[in-house]
Amino acid sequence: MRATYDSAAELAAALRRAETAHGKHEEETGQPDPDWPDWYAQFMVNEQTGRP
């Protein structure tokens, strides 16, 4: 799995999408996620590689 971003703006946009998705994830679980960096990273890789 490899994720690449062509610019800082593209990376920032991916981080914002991950933030939005993670917010929904936390709402569903009803608790904060201390491992959010791992969640963001996996979300961003999945997004780029077409994995669910």
C-alpha atoms as a PDB file:
ATOM      1  CA  MET A   1       0.000   0.000   0.000  1.00  0.00           C
ATOM      2  CA  ARG A   2       1.442   3.305  -1.027  1.00  0.00           C
ATOM      3  CA  ALA A   3      -0.120   6.722  -0.715  1.00  0.00           C
ATOM      4  CA  THR A   4       1.378   9.798  -2.314  1.00  0.00           C
ATOM      5  CA  TYR A   5       0.297  13.405  -2.472  1.00  0.00           C
ATOM      6  CA  ASP A   6       1.403  15.833  -5.139  1.00  0.00           C
ATOM      7  CA  SER A   7       1.196  18.943  -2.972  1.00  0.00           C
ATOM      8  CA  ALA A   8       0.704  20.193   0.541  1.00  0.00           C
ATOM      9  CA  ALA A   9      -2.789  21.335  -0.460  1.00  0.00           C
ATOM     10  CA  GLU A  10      -3.703  17.821  -1.634  1.00  0.00           C
ATOM     11  CA  LEU A  11      -2.398  16.339   1.623  1.00  0.00           C
ATOM     12  CA  ALA A  12      -4.307  18.919   3.668  1.00  0.00           C
ATOM     13  CA  ALA A  13      -7.509  18.088   1.792  1.00  0.00           C
ATOM     14  CA  ALA A  14      -6.993  14.384   2.524  1.00  0.00           C
ATOM     15  CA  LEU A  15      -6.476  15.162   6.200  1.00  0.00           C
ATOM     16  CA  ARG A  16      -9.720  17.151   6.241  1.00  0.00           C
ATOM     17  CA  ARG A  17     -11.611  14.239   4.665  1.00  0.00           C
ATOM     18  CA  ALA A  18     -10.104  11.903   7.249  1.00  0.00           C
ATOM     19  CA  GLU A  19     -11.108  14.304  10.033  1.00  0.00           C
ATOM     20  CA  THR A  20     -14.711  14.344   8.817  1.00  0.00           C
ATOM     21  CA  ALA A  21     -14.869  10.555   8.472  1.00  0.00           C
ATOM     22  CA  HIS A  22     -13.239  10.063  11.858  1.00  0.00           C
ATOM     23  CA  GLY A  23     -15.741  12.398  13.490  1.00  0.00           C
ATOM     24  CA  LYS A  24     -18.527  10.171  12.185  1.00  0.00           C
ATOM     25  CA  HIS A  25     -16.645   7.106  13.451  1.00  0.00           C
ATOM     26  CA  GLU A  26     -16.394   8.617  16.943  1.00  0.00           C
ATOM     27  CA  GLU A  27     -20.088   9.508  16.880  1.00  0.00           C
ATOM     28  CA  GLU A  28     -20.928   5.895  16.021  1.00  0.00           C
ATOM     29  CA  THR A  29     -18.726   4.455  18.766  1.00  0.00           C
ATOM     30  CA  GLY A  30     -19.729   7.114  21.285  1.00  0.00           C
ATOM     31  CA  GLN A  31     -16.204   7.590  22.573  1.00  0.00           C
ATOM     32  CA  PRO A  32     -13.016   9.437  21.712  1.00  0.00           C
ATOM     33  CA  ASP A  33     -10.367   7.518  19.813  1.00  0.00           C
ATOM     34  CA  PRO A  34      -6.880   7.939  21.288  1.00  0.00           C
ATOM     35  CA  ASP A  35      -5.432   6.091  18.279  1.00  0.00           C
ATOM     36  CA  TRP A  36      -6.802   8.619  15.794  1.00  0.00           C
ATOM     37  CA  PRO A  37      -3.440   9.030  13.983  1.00  0.00           C
ATOM     38  CA  ASP A  38      -3.497   5.338  13.043  1.00  0.00           C
ATOM     39  CA  TRP A  39      -7.154   5.653  11.963  1.00  0.00           C
ATOM     40  CA  TYR A  40      -6.393   8.717   9.812  1.00  0.00           C
ATOM     41  CA  ALA A  41      -3.395   7.016   8.208  1.00  0.00           C
ATOM     42  CA  GLN A  42      -5.351   3.886   7.310  1.00  0.00           C
ATOM     43  CA  PHE A  43      -8.269   5.938   5.993  1.00  0.00           C
ATOM     44  CA  MET A  44      -5.958   7.980   3.771  1.00  0.00           C
ATOM     45  CA  VAL A  45      -4.159   4.924   2.394  1.00  0.00           C
ATOM     46  CA  ASN A  46      -7.475   3.160   1.770  1.00  0.00           C
ATOM     47  CA  GLU A  47      -8.820   6.225   0.008  1.00  0.00           C
ATOM     48  CA  GLN A  48      -5.856   6.351  -2.374  1.00  0.00           C
ATOM     49  CA  THR A  49      -5.750   2.622  -3.043  1.00  0.00           C
ATOM     50  CA  GLY A  50      -9.502   2.203  -3.492  1.00  0.00           C
ATOM     51  CA  ARG A  51      -9.968  -0.032  -0.487  1.00  0.00           C
ATOM     52  CA  PRO A  52     -13.091   0.286   1.666  1.00  0.00           C
END
